[in-house]
Amino acid sequence: IYNTPDKITINGTIATVNTENSIIDVSPGWLFSSLLDIKFVADT
């Protein structure tokens, strides 16, 4: 689970902040994430 903030791209599980000529943007958006296992039970 994750949001998609400005100046951050997400590919699979990798989030990358915008970078140009080895300089990272100082004002990306706020990224939040969660990784968890969810159990589904039949007919429940």
PDB file of all heavy atoms in Angstrom:
ATOM      1  N   ILE A   1       0.857  -1.184   0.000  1.00  0.00           N
ATOM      2  CA  ILE A   1       0.000   0.000   0.000  1.00  0.00           C
ATOM      3  C   ILE A   1       0.897   1.240   0.000  1.00  0.00           C
ATOM      4  O   ILE A   1       1.847   1.303   0.797  1.00  0.00           O
ATOM      5  CB  ILE A   1      -0.920   0.019   1.237  1.00  0.00           C
ATOM      6  CG1 ILE A   1      -1.677  -1.310   1.357  1.00  0.00           C
ATOM      7  CG2 ILE A   1      -1.898   1.186   1.174  1.00  0.00           C
ATOM      8  CD1 ILE A   1      -2.400  -1.471   2.683  1.00  0.00           C
ATOM      9  N   TYR A   2       0.620   2.190  -0.860  1.00  0.00           N
ATOM     10  CA  TYR A   2       1.430   3.409  -0.901  1.00  0.00           C
ATOM     11  C   TYR A   2       0.650   4.516  -1.611  1.00  0.00           C
ATOM     12  O   TYR A   2      -0.272   4.250  -2.384  1.00  0.00           O
ATOM     13  CB  TYR A   2       2.760   3.163  -1.614  1.00  0.00           C
ATOM     14  CG  TYR A   2       2.619   2.722  -3.058  1.00  0.00           C
ATOM     15  CD1 TYR A   2       2.556   3.645  -4.097  1.00  0.00           C
ATOM     16  CD2 TYR A   2       2.557   1.370  -3.379  1.00  0.00           C
ATOM     17  CE1 TYR A   2       2.431   3.245  -5.410  1.00  0.00           C
ATOM     18  CE2 TYR A   2       2.423   0.950  -4.691  1.00  0.00           C
ATOM     19  CZ  TYR A   2       2.372   1.891  -5.699  1.00  0.00           C
ATOM     20  OH  TYR A   2       2.238   1.484  -7.005  1.00  0.00           O
ATOM     21  N   ASN A   3       1.045   5.765  -1.340  1.00  0.00           N
ATOM     22  CA  ASN A   3       0.511   6.890  -2.092  1.00  0.00           C
ATOM     23  C   ASN A   3       1.509   7.288  -3.163  1.00  0.00           C
ATOM     24  O   ASN A   3       2.627   6.747  -3.220  1.00  0.00           O
ATOM     25  CB  ASN A   3       0.195   8.069  -1.168  1.00  0.00           C
ATOM     26  CG  ASN A   3       1.443   8.644  -0.536  1.00  0.00           C
ATOM     27  OD1 ASN A   3       2.269   7.903   0.013  1.00  0.00           O
ATOM     28  ND2 ASN A   3       1.596   9.956  -0.582  1.00  0.00           N
ATOM     29  N   THR A   4       1.142   8.190  -4.030  1.00  0.00           N
ATOM     30  CA  THR A   4       2.017   8.582  -5.141  1.00  0.00           C
ATOM     31  C   THR A   4       2.284  10.084  -5.064  1.00  0.00           C
ATOM     32  O   THR A   4       1.628  10.882  -5.740  1.00  0.00           O
ATOM     33  CB  THR A   4       1.378   8.218  -6.491  1.00  0.00           C
ATOM     34  OG1 THR A   4       0.057   8.784  -6.557  1.00  0.00           O
ATOM     35  CG2 THR A   4       1.259   6.710  -6.643  1.00  0.00           C
ATOM     36  N   PRO A   5       3.255  10.500  -4.256  1.00  0.00           N
ATOM     37  CA  PRO A   5       3.527  11.932  -4.072  1.00  0.00           C
ATOM     38  C   PRO A   5       4.265  12.546  -5.245  1.00  0.00           C
ATOM     39  O   PRO A   5       4.856  11.843  -6.078  1.00  0.00           O
ATOM     40  CB  PRO A   5       4.401  11.944  -2.807  1.00  0.00           C
ATOM     41  CG  PRO A   5       5.084  10.619  -2.820  1.00  0.00           C
ATOM     42  CD  PRO A   5       4.127   9.651  -3.432  1.00  0.00           C
ATOM     43  N   ASP A   6       4.252  13.873  -5.297  1.00  0.00           N
ATOM     44  CA  ASP A   6       4.983  14.599  -6.322  1.00  0.00           C
ATOM     45  C   ASP A   6       6.481  14.332  -6.209  1.00  0.00           C
ATOM     46  O   ASP A   6       7.025  14.163  -5.111  1.00  0.00           O
ATOM     47  CB  ASP A   6       4.740  16.113  -6.197  1.00  0.00           C
ATOM     48  CG  ASP A   6       3.311  16.499  -6.520  1.00  0.00           C
ATOM     49  OD1 ASP A   6       2.635  15.722  -7.217  1.00  0.00           O
ATOM     50  OD2 ASP A   6       2.874  17.572  -6.058  1.00  0.00           O
ATOM     51  N   LYS A   7       7.138  14.295  -7.357  1.00  0.00           N
ATOM     52  CA  LYS A   7       8.601  14.193  -7.468  1.00  0.00           C
ATOM     53  C   LYS A   7       9.157  12.883  -6.943  1.00  0.00           C
ATOM     54  O   LYS A   7      10.359  12.788  -6.658  1.00  0.00           O
ATOM     55  CB  LYS A   7       9.275  15.387  -6.761  1.00  0.00           C
ATOM     56  CG  LYS A   7       8.823  16.744  -7.299  1.00  0.00           C
ATOM     57  CD  LYS A   7       9.472  17.890  -6.553  1.00  0.00           C
ATOM     58  CE  LYS A   7       8.971  19.236  -7.082  1.00  0.00           C
ATOM     59  NZ  LYS A   7       9.581  20.374  -6.342  1.00  0.00           N
ATOM     60  N   ILE A   8       8.307  11.871  -6.812  1.00  0.00           N
ATOM     61  CA  ILE A   8       8.747  10.525  -6.445  1.00  0.00           C
ATOM     62  C   ILE A   8       8.066   9.540  -7.386  1.00  0.00           C
ATOM     63  O   ILE A   8       6.845   9.566  -7.541  1.00  0.00           O
ATOM     64  CB  ILE A   8       8.405  10.172  -4.988  1.00  0.00           C
ATOM     65  CG1 ILE A   8       9.156  11.088  -4.020  1.00  0.00           C
ATOM     66  CG2 ILE A   8       8.744   8.711  -4.683  1.00  0.00           C
ATOM     67  CD1 ILE A   8       8.853  10.814  -2.557  1.00  0.00           C
ATOM     68  N   THR A   9       8.871   8.686  -8.026  1.00  0.00           N
ATOM     69  CA  THR A   9       8.308   7.643  -8.885  1.00  0.00           C
ATOM     70  C   THR A   9       8.443   6.301  -8.178  1.00  0.00           C
ATOM     71  O   THR A   9       9.408   6.059  -7.455  1.00  0.00           O
ATOM     72  CB  THR A   9       9.035   7.583 -10.239  1.00  0.00           C
ATOM     73  OG1 THR A   9      10.435   7.343 -10.024  1.00  0.00           O
ATOM     74  CG2 THR A   9       8.860   8.890 -11.001  1.00  0.00           C
ATOM     75  N   ILE A  10       7.450   5.436  -8.394  1.00  0.00           N
ATOM     76  CA  ILE A  10       7.458   4.118  -7.763  1.00  0.00           C
ATOM     77  C   ILE A  10       7.347   3.054  -8.839  1.00  0.00           C
ATOM     78  O   ILE A  10       6.413   3.047  -9.641  1.00  0.00           O
ATOM     79  CB  ILE A  10       6.310   3.987  -6.748  1.00  0.00           C
ATOM     80  CG1 ILE A  10       6.486   5.030  -5.631  1.00  0.00           C
ATOM     81  CG2 ILE A  10       6.264   2.581  -6.153  1.00  0.00           C
ATOM     82  CD1 ILE A  10       5.378   5.051  -4.621  1.00  0.00           C
ATOM     83  N   ASN A  11       8.338   2.163  -8.865  1.00  0.00           N
ATOM     84  CA  ASN A  11       8.382   1.060  -9.814  1.00  0.00           C
ATOM     85  C   ASN A  11       8.489  -0.232  -9.026  1.00  0.00           C
ATOM     86  O   ASN A  11       9.531  -0.526  -8.454  1.00  0.00           O
ATOM     87  CB  ASN A  11       9.569   1.225 -10.766  1.00  0.00           C
ATOM     88  CG  ASN A  11       9.597   0.176 -11.851  1.00  0.00           C
ATOM     89  OD1 ASN A  11       8.694  -0.651 -11.959  1.00  0.00           O
ATOM     90  ND2 ASN A  11      10.639   0.192 -12.669  1.00  0.00           N
ATOM     91  N   GLY A  12       7.388  -0.991  -8.978  1.00  0.00           N
ATOM     92  CA  GLY A  12       7.382  -2.178  -8.130  1.00  0.00           C
ATOM     93  C   GLY A  12       7.421  -1.773  -6.670  1.00  0.00           C
ATOM     94  O   GLY A  12       6.510  -1.105  -6.186  1.00  0.00           O
ATOM     95  N   THR A  13       8.487  -2.154  -5.972  1.00  0.00           N
ATOM     96  CA  THR A  13       8.646  -1.763  -4.574  1.00  0.00           C
ATOM     97  C   THR A  13       9.729  -0.703  -4.390  1.00  0.00           C
ATOM     98  O   THR A  13      10.109  -0.403  -3.262  1.00  0.00           O
ATOM     99  CB  THR A  13       8.990  -2.986  -3.707  1.00  0.00           C
ATOM    100  OG1 THR A  13      10.244  -3.544  -4.147  1.00  0.00           O
ATOM    101  CG2 THR A  13       7.907  -4.040  -3.779  1.00  0.00           C
ATOM    102  N   ILE A  14      10.227  -0.139  -5.498  1.00  0.00           N
ATOM    103  CA  ILE A  14      11.312   0.839  -5.427  1.00  0.00           C
ATOM    104  C   ILE A  14      10.763   2.250  -5.648  1.00  0.00           C
ATOM    105  O   ILE A  14      10.167   2.550  -6.683  1.00  0.00           O
ATOM    106  CB  ILE A  14      12.408   0.544  -6.472  1.00  0.00           C
ATOM    107  CG1 ILE A  14      12.943  -0.870  -6.305  1.00  0.00           C
ATOM    108  CG2 ILE A  14      13.535   1.561  -6.336  1.00  0.00           C
ATOM    109  CD1 ILE A  14      13.569  -1.150  -4.949  1.00  0.00           C
ATOM    110  N   ALA A  15      10.959   3.108  -4.649  1.00  0.00           N
ATOM    111  CA  ALA A  15      10.560   4.515  -4.743  1.00  0.00           C
ATOM    112  C   ALA A  15      11.817   5.352  -4.979  1.00  0.00           C
ATOM    113  O   ALA A  15      12.821   5.185  -4.283  1.00  0.00           O
ATOM    114  CB  ALA A  15       9.857   4.958  -3.459  1.00  0.00           C
ATOM    115  N   THR A  16      11.754   6.250  -5.958  1.00  0.00           N
ATOM    116  CA  THR A  16      12.924   7.053  -6.321  1.00  0.00           C
ATOM    117  C   THR A  16      12.550   8.530  -6.364  1.00  0.00           C
ATOM    118  O   THR A  16      11.592   8.921  -7.044  1.00  0.00           O
ATOM    119  CB  THR A  16      13.474   6.632  -7.696  1.00  0.00           C
ATOM    120  OG1 THR A  16      13.763   5.229  -7.689  1.00  0.00           O
ATOM    121  CG2 THR A  16      14.739   7.400  -8.025  1.00  0.00           C
ATOM    122  N   VAL A  17      13.333   9.341  -5.656  1.00  0.00           N
ATOM    123  CA  VAL A  17      13.128  10.798  -5.650  1.00  0.00           C
ATOM    124  C   VAL A  17      13.771  11.389  -6.897  1.00  0.00           C
ATOM    125  O   VAL A  17      14.851  10.959  -7.324  1.00  0.00           O
ATOM    126  CB  VAL A  17      13.734  11.428  -4.383  1.00  0.00           C
ATOM    127  CG1 VAL A  17      13.466  12.927  -4.346  1.00  0.00           C
ATOM    128  CG2 VAL A  17      13.176  10.762  -3.131  1.00  0.00           C
ATOM    129  N   ASN A  18      13.128  12.379  -7.486  1.00  0.00           N
ATOM    130  CA  ASN A  18      13.674  13.031  -8.675  1.00  0.00           C
ATOM    131  C   ASN A  18      15.107  13.497  -8.422  1.00  0.00           C
ATOM    132  O   ASN A  18      15.404  14.145  -7.408  1.00  0.00           O
ATOM    133  CB  ASN A  18      12.822  14.234  -9.072  1.00  0.00           C
ATOM    134  CG  ASN A  18      11.488  13.819  -9.668  1.00  0.00           C
ATOM    135  OD1 ASN A  18      11.169  12.632  -9.754  1.00  0.00           O
ATOM    136  ND2 ASN A  18      10.698  14.792 -10.077  1.00  0.00           N
ATOM    137  N   THR A  19      15.979  13.169  -9.368  1.00  0.00           N
ATOM    138  CA  THR A  19      17.399  13.504  -9.248  1.00  0.00           C
ATOM    139  C   THR A  19      17.911  13.975 -10.599  1.00  0.00           C
ATOM    140  O   THR A  19      17.591  13.382 -11.627  1.00  0.00           O
ATOM    141  CB  THR A  19      18.212  12.271  -8.800  1.00  0.00           C
ATOM    142  OG1 THR A  19      17.662  11.756  -7.581  1.00  0.00           O
ATOM    143  CG2 THR A  19      19.672  12.629  -8.567  1.00  0.00           C
ATOM    144  N   GLU A  20      18.704  15.045 -10.590  1.00  0.00           N
ATOM    145  CA  GLU A  20      19.273  15.575 -11.824  1.00  0.00           C
ATOM    146  C   GLU A  20      20.723  15.955 -11.592  1.00  0.00           C
ATOM    147  O   GLU A  20      21.037  16.731 -10.683  1.00  0.00           O
ATOM    148  CB  GLU A  20      18.486  16.798 -12.300  1.00  0.00           C
ATOM    149  CG  GLU A  20      18.953  17.342 -13.642  1.00  0.00           C
ATOM    150  CD  GLU A  20      18.094  18.485 -14.142  1.00  0.00           C
ATOM    151  OE1 GLU A  20      17.079  18.809 -13.489  1.00  0.00           O
ATOM    152  OE2 GLU A  20      18.444  19.071 -15.194  1.00  0.00           O
ATOM    153  N   ASN A  21      21.606  15.373 -12.425  1.00  0.00           N
ATOM    154  CA  ASN A  21      23.045  15.643 -12.309  1.00  0.00           C
ATOM    155  C   ASN A  21      23.551  15.406 -10.892  1.00  0.00           C
ATOM    156  O   ASN A  21      24.301  16.212 -10.331  1.00  0.00           O
ATOM    157  CB  ASN A  21      23.362  17.068 -12.750  1.00  0.00           C
ATOM    158  CG  ASN A  21      23.034  17.315 -14.209  1.00  0.00           C
ATOM    159  OD1 ASN A  21      23.179  16.418 -15.049  1.00  0.00           O
ATOM    160  ND2 ASN A  21      22.580  18.518 -14.526  1.00  0.00           N
ATOM    161  N   SER A  22      23.124  14.293 -10.289  1.00  0.00           N
ATOM    162  CA  SER A  22      23.548  13.865  -8.944  1.00  0.00           C
ATOM    163  C   SER A  22      23.019  14.767  -7.825  1.00  0.00           C
ATOM    164  O   SER A  22      23.454  14.638  -6.679  1.00  0.00           O
ATOM    165  CB  SER A  22      25.081  13.793  -8.843  1.00  0.00           C
ATOM    166  OG  SER A  22      25.588  12.839  -9.755  1.00  0.00           O
ATOM    167  N   ILE A  23      22.092  15.680  -8.170  1.00  0.00           N
ATOM    168  CA  ILE A  23      21.487  16.549  -7.163  1.00  0.00           C
ATOM    169  C   ILE A  23      20.035  16.106  -6.958  1.00  0.00           C
ATOM    170  O   ILE A  23      19.250  16.044  -7.911  1.00  0.00           O
ATOM    171  CB  ILE A  23      21.525  18.027  -7.587  1.00  0.00           C
ATOM    172  CG1 ILE A  23      22.963  18.456  -7.909  1.00  0.00           C
ATOM    173  CG2 ILE A  23      20.931  18.905  -6.499  1.00  0.00           C
ATOM    174  CD1 ILE A  23      23.929  18.318  -6.750  1.00  0.00           C
ATOM    175  N   ILE A  24      19.681  15.807  -5.715  1.00  0.00           N
ATOM    176  CA  ILE A  24      18.348  15.326  -5.385  1.00  0.00           C
ATOM    177  C   ILE A  24      17.427  16.509  -5.083  1.00  0.00           C
ATOM    178  O   ILE A  24      17.824  17.468  -4.429  1.00  0.00           O
ATOM    179  CB  ILE A  24      18.412  14.385  -4.160  1.00  0.00           C
ATOM    180  CG1 ILE A  24      19.357  13.223  -4.439  1.00  0.00           C
ATOM    181  CG2 ILE A  24      17.027  13.862  -3.791  1.00  0.00           C
ATOM    182  CD1 ILE A  24      19.598  12.340  -3.231  1.00  0.00           C
ATOM    183  N   ASP A  25      16.199  16.419  -5.572  1.00  0.00           N
ATOM    184  CA  ASP A  25      15.213  17.461  -5.300  1.00  0.00           C
ATOM    185  C   ASP A  25      14.986  17.574  -3.791  1.00  0.00           C
ATOM    186  O   ASP A  25      14.818  16.563  -3.105  1.00  0.00           O
ATOM    187  CB  ASP A  25      13.897  17.118  -5.999  1.00  0.00           C
ATOM    188  CG  ASP A  25      12.968  18.313  -6.115  1.00  0.00           C
ATOM    189  OD1 ASP A  25      12.601  18.863  -5.062  1.00  0.00           O
ATOM    190  OD2 ASP A  25      12.607  18.678  -7.238  1.00  0.00           O
ATOM    191  N   VAL A  26      14.977  18.790  -3.270  1.00  0.00           N
ATOM    192  CA  VAL A  26      14.849  18.990  -1.826  1.00  0.00           C
ATOM    193  C   VAL A  26      13.401  19.092  -1.364  1.00  0.00           C
ATOM    194  O   VAL A  26      13.140  19.211  -0.168  1.00  0.00           O
ATOM    195  CB  VAL A  26      15.603  20.261  -1.358  1.00  0.00           C
ATOM    196  CG1 VAL A  26      17.089  20.128  -1.611  1.00  0.00           C
ATOM    197  CG2 VAL A  26      15.031  21.511  -2.012  1.00  0.00           C
ATOM    198  N   SER A  27      12.439  19.030  -2.305  1.00  0.00           N
ATOM    199  CA  SER A  27      11.043  19.216  -1.891  1.00  0.00           C
ATOM    200  C   SER A  27      10.108  18.180  -2.513  1.00  0.00           C
ATOM    201  O   SER A  27       9.095  18.550  -3.129  1.00  0.00           O
ATOM    202  CB  SER A  27      10.563  20.627  -2.228  1.00  0.00           C
ATOM    203  OG  SER A  27      10.681  20.860  -3.632  1.00  0.00           O
ATOM    204  N   PRO A  28      10.403  16.879  -2.374  1.00  0.00           N
ATOM    205  CA  PRO A  28       9.449  15.888  -2.868  1.00  0.00           C
ATOM    206  C   PRO A  28       8.207  15.871  -1.990  1.00  0.00           C
ATOM    207  O   PRO A  28       8.194  16.434  -0.889  1.00  0.00           O
ATOM    208  CB  PRO A  28      10.232  14.577  -2.751  1.00  0.00           C
ATOM    209  CG  PRO A  28      11.155  14.814  -1.591  1.00  0.00           C
ATOM    210  CD  PRO A  28      11.556  16.257  -1.708  1.00  0.00           C
ATOM    211  N   GLY A  29       7.160  15.207  -2.479  1.00  0.00           N
ATOM    212  CA  GLY A  29       5.966  15.051  -1.665  1.00  0.00           C
ATOM    213  C   GLY A  29       6.199  14.046  -0.548  1.00  0.00           C
ATOM    214  O   GLY A  29       7.267  13.437  -0.436  1.00  0.00           O
ATOM    215  N   TRP A  30       5.171  13.882   0.282  1.00  0.00           N
ATOM    216  CA  TRP A  30       5.283  12.997   1.440  1.00  0.00           C
ATOM    217  C   TRP A  30       4.860  11.587   1.059  1.00  0.00           C
ATOM    218  O   TRP A  30       3.703  11.346   0.706  1.00  0.00           O
ATOM    219  CB  TRP A  30       4.424  13.521   2.590  1.00  0.00           C
ATOM    220  CG  TRP A  30       4.823  14.879   3.045  1.00  0.00           C
ATOM    221  CD1 TRP A  30       4.192  16.054   2.753  1.00  0.00           C
ATOM    222  CD2 TRP A  30       5.943  15.230   3.864  1.00  0.00           C
ATOM    223  NE1 TRP A  30       4.847  17.112   3.345  1.00  0.00           N
ATOM    224  CE2 TRP A  30       5.938  16.638   4.032  1.00  0.00           C
ATOM    225  CE3 TRP A  30       6.961  14.495   4.468  1.00  0.00           C
ATOM    226  CZ2 TRP A  30       6.889  17.322   4.775  1.00  0.00           C
ATOM    227  CZ3 TRP A  30       7.922  15.173   5.212  1.00  0.00           C
ATOM    228  CH2 TRP A  30       7.876  16.557   5.360  1.00  0.00           C
ATOM    229  N   LEU A  31       5.801  10.661   1.146  1.00  0.00           N
ATOM    230  CA  LEU A  31       5.537   9.260   0.798  1.00  0.00           C
ATOM    231  C   LEU A  31       5.197   8.462   2.053  1.00  0.00           C
ATOM    232  O   LEU A  31       5.874   8.561   3.075  1.00  0.00           O
ATOM    233  CB  LEU A  31       6.769   8.652   0.128  1.00  0.00           C
ATOM    234  CG  LEU A  31       6.720   7.147  -0.144  1.00  0.00           C
ATOM    235  CD1 LEU A  31       5.625   6.811  -1.159  1.00  0.00           C
ATOM    236  CD2 LEU A  31       8.083   6.648  -0.629  1.00  0.00           C
ATOM    237  N   PHE A  32       4.126   7.660   1.945  1.00  0.00           N
ATOM    238  CA  PHE A  32       3.736   6.727   2.995  1.00  0.00           C
ATOM    239  C   PHE A  32       3.596   5.344   2.378  1.00  0.00           C
ATOM    240  O   PHE A  32       3.218   5.207   1.209  1.00  0.00           O
ATOM    241  CB  PHE A  32       2.403   7.126   3.628  1.00  0.00           C
ATOM    242  CG  PHE A  32       2.427   8.434   4.369  1.00  0.00           C
ATOM    243  CD1 PHE A  32       2.251   9.633   3.694  1.00  0.00           C
ATOM    244  CD2 PHE A  32       2.632   8.467   5.741  1.00  0.00           C
ATOM    245  CE1 PHE A  32       2.272  10.843   4.376  1.00  0.00           C
ATOM    246  CE2 PHE A  32       2.653   9.666   6.425  1.00  0.00           C
ATOM    247  CZ  PHE A  32       2.478  10.856   5.739  1.00  0.00           C
ATOM    248  N   SER A  33       3.880   4.312   3.157  1.00  0.00           N
ATOM    249  CA  SER A  33       3.725   2.967   2.626  1.00  0.00           C
ATOM    250  C   SER A  33       3.446   1.979   3.751  1.00  0.00           C
ATOM    251  O   SER A  33       3.683   2.248   4.933  1.00  0.00           O
ATOM    252  CB  SER A  33       4.991   2.528   1.871  1.00  0.00           C
ATOM    253  OG  SER A  33       6.072   2.325   2.770  1.00  0.00           O
ATOM    254  N   SER A  34       2.941   0.818   3.343  1.00  0.00           N
ATOM    255  CA  SER A  34       2.722  -0.284   4.276  1.00  0.00           C
ATOM    256  C   SER A  34       2.818  -1.589   3.494  1.00  0.00           C
ATOM    257  O   SER A  34       2.302  -1.678   2.371  1.00  0.00           O
ATOM    258  CB  SER A  34       1.355  -0.167   4.955  1.00  0.00           C
ATOM    259  OG  SER A  34       1.162  -1.220   5.887  1.00  0.00           O
ATOM    260  N   LEU A  35       3.492  -2.565   4.049  1.00  0.00           N
ATOM    261  CA  LEU A  35       3.598  -3.890   3.438  1.00  0.00           C
ATOM    262  C   LEU A  35       3.128  -4.904   4.470  1.00  0.00           C
ATOM    263  O   LEU A  35       3.677  -4.980   5.565  1.00  0.00           O
ATOM    264  CB  LEU A  35       5.039  -4.178   3.017  1.00  0.00           C
ATOM    265  CG  LEU A  35       5.262  -5.507   2.305  1.00  0.00           C
ATOM    266  CD1 LEU A  35       4.650  -5.483   0.902  1.00  0.00           C
ATOM    267  CD2 LEU A  35       6.756  -5.834   2.208  1.00  0.00           C
ATOM    268  N   LEU A  36       2.113  -5.674   4.135  1.00  0.00           N
ATOM    269  CA  LEU A  36       1.571  -6.622   5.103  1.00  0.00           C
ATOM    270  C   LEU A  36       0.972  -7.815   4.384  1.00  0.00           C
ATOM    271  O   LEU A  36       0.703  -7.782   3.171  1.00  0.00           O
ATOM    272  CB  LEU A  36       0.514  -5.960   5.984  1.00  0.00           C
ATOM    273  CG  LEU A  36      -0.817  -5.534   5.354  1.00  0.00           C
ATOM    274  CD1 LEU A  36      -1.839  -5.279   6.453  1.00  0.00           C
ATOM    275  CD2 LEU A  36      -0.666  -4.266   4.513  1.00  0.00           C
ATOM    276  N   ASP A  37       0.775  -8.892   5.138  1.00  0.00           N
ATOM    277  CA  ASP A  37       0.111 -10.090   4.632  1.00  0.00           C
ATOM    278  C   ASP A  37      -1.346 -10.062   5.073  1.00  0.00           C
ATOM    279  O   ASP A  37      -1.640  -9.871   6.255  1.00  0.00           O
ATOM    280  CB  ASP A  37       0.790 -11.357   5.160  1.00  0.00           C
ATOM    281  CG  ASP A  37       2.188 -11.540   4.593  1.00  0.00           C
ATOM    282  OD1 ASP A  37       2.405 -11.142   3.438  1.00  0.00           O
ATOM    283  OD2 ASP A  37       3.064 -12.073   5.310  1.00  0.00           O
ATOM    284  N   ILE A  38      -2.252 -10.251   4.112  1.00  0.00           N
ATOM    285  CA  ILE A  38      -3.684 -10.250   4.404  1.00  0.00           C
ATOM    286  C   ILE A  38      -4.239 -11.650   4.170  1.00  0.00           C
ATOM    287  O   ILE A  38      -4.057 -12.228   3.096  1.00  0.00           O
ATOM    288  CB  ILE A  38      -4.429  -9.224   3.539  1.00  0.00           C
ATOM    289  CG1 ILE A  38      -3.894  -7.813   3.813  1.00  0.00           C
ATOM    290  CG2 ILE A  38      -5.926  -9.277   3.821  1.00  0.00           C
ATOM    291  CD1 ILE A  38      -4.583  -6.725   3.018  1.00  0.00           C
ATOM    292  N   LYS A  39      -4.906 -12.184   5.179  1.00  0.00           N
ATOM    293  CA  LYS A  39      -5.461 -13.532   5.111  1.00  0.00           C
ATOM    294  C   LYS A  39      -6.931 -13.489   4.709  1.00  0.00           C
ATOM    295  O   LYS A  39      -7.733 -12.782   5.312  1.00  0.00           O
ATOM    296  CB  LYS A  39      -5.307 -14.234   6.464  1.00  0.00           C
ATOM    297  CG  LYS A  39      -5.765 -15.692   6.457  1.00  0.00           C
ATOM    298  CD  LYS A  39      -5.503 -16.341   7.816  1.00  0.00           C
ATOM    299  CE  LYS A  39      -5.896 -17.809   7.800  1.00  0.00           C
ATOM    300  NZ  LYS A  39      -5.653 -18.444   9.129  1.00  0.00           N
ATOM    301  N   PHE A  40      -7.266 -14.242   3.681  1.00  0.00           N
ATOM    302  CA  PHE A  40      -8.642 -14.395   3.232  1.00  0.00           C
ATOM    303  C   PHE A  40      -9.132 -15.789   3.623  1.00  0.00           C
ATOM    304  O   PHE A  40      -8.456 -16.783   3.341  1.00  0.00           O
ATOM    305  CB  PHE A  40      -8.740 -14.222   1.713  1.00  0.00           C
ATOM    306  CG  PHE A  40      -8.620 -12.801   1.245  1.00  0.00           C
ATOM    307  CD1 PHE A  40      -7.392 -12.149   1.267  1.00  0.00           C
ATOM    308  CD2 PHE A  40      -9.724 -12.113   0.770  1.00  0.00           C
ATOM    309  CE1 PHE A  40      -7.277 -10.837   0.830  1.00  0.00           C
ATOM    310  CE2 PHE A  40      -9.624 -10.802   0.327  1.00  0.00           C
ATOM    311  CZ  PHE A  40      -8.394 -10.157   0.358  1.00  0.00           C
ATOM    312  N   VAL A  41     -10.267 -15.839   4.285  1.00  0.00           N
ATOM    313  CA  VAL A  41     -10.870 -17.093   4.720  1.00  0.00           C
ATOM    314  C   VAL A  41     -12.145 -17.330   3.923  1.00  0.00           C
ATOM    315  O   VAL A  41     -12.986 -16.423   3.784  1.00  0.00           O
ATOM    316  CB  VAL A  41     -11.172 -17.060   6.231  1.00  0.00           C
ATOM    317  CG1 VAL A  41     -11.812 -18.371   6.688  1.00  0.00           C
ATOM    318  CG2 VAL A  41      -9.901 -16.800   7.023  1.00  0.00           C
ATOM    319  N   ALA A  42     -12.293 -18.538   3.395  1.00  0.00           N
ATOM    320  CA  ALA A  42     -13.440 -18.847   2.547  1.00  0.00           C
ATOM    321  C   ALA A  42     -14.759 -18.579   3.271  1.00  0.00           C
ATOM    322  O   ALA A  42     -14.917 -18.922   4.447  1.00  0.00           O
ATOM    323  CB  ALA A  42     -13.378 -20.307   2.102  1.00  0.00           C
ATOM    324  N   ASP A  43     -15.690 -17.949   2.564  1.00  0.00           N
ATOM    325  CA  ASP A  43     -17.051 -17.700   3.044  1.00  0.00           C
ATOM    326  C   ASP A  43     -17.090 -16.899   4.341  1.00  0.00           C
ATOM    327  O   ASP A  43     -17.972 -17.089   5.174  1.00  0.00           O
ATOM    328  CB  ASP A  43     -17.802 -19.033   3.250  1.00  0.00           C
ATOM    329  CG  ASP A  43     -17.790 -19.896   2.008  1.00  0.00           C
ATOM    330  OD1 ASP A  43     -17.913 -19.328   0.906  1.00  0.00           O
ATOM    331  OD2 ASP A  43     -17.641 -21.123   2.122  1.00  0.00           O
ATOM    332  N   THR A  44     -16.103 -16.008   4.497  1.00  0.00           N
ATOM    333  CA  THR A  44     -16.014 -15.239   5.743  1.00  0.00           C
ATOM    334  C   THR A  44     -15.638 -13.796   5.449  1.00  0.00           C
ATOM    335  O   THR A  44     -14.812 -13.527   4.574  1.00  0.00           O
ATOM    336  CB  THR A  44     -14.964 -15.853   6.692  1.00  0.00           C
ATOM    337  OG1 THR A  44     -15.325 -17.206   6.966  1.00  0.00           O
ATOM    338  CG2 THR A  44     -14.884 -15.086   8.000  1.00  0.00           C
TER     339      THR A  44
END
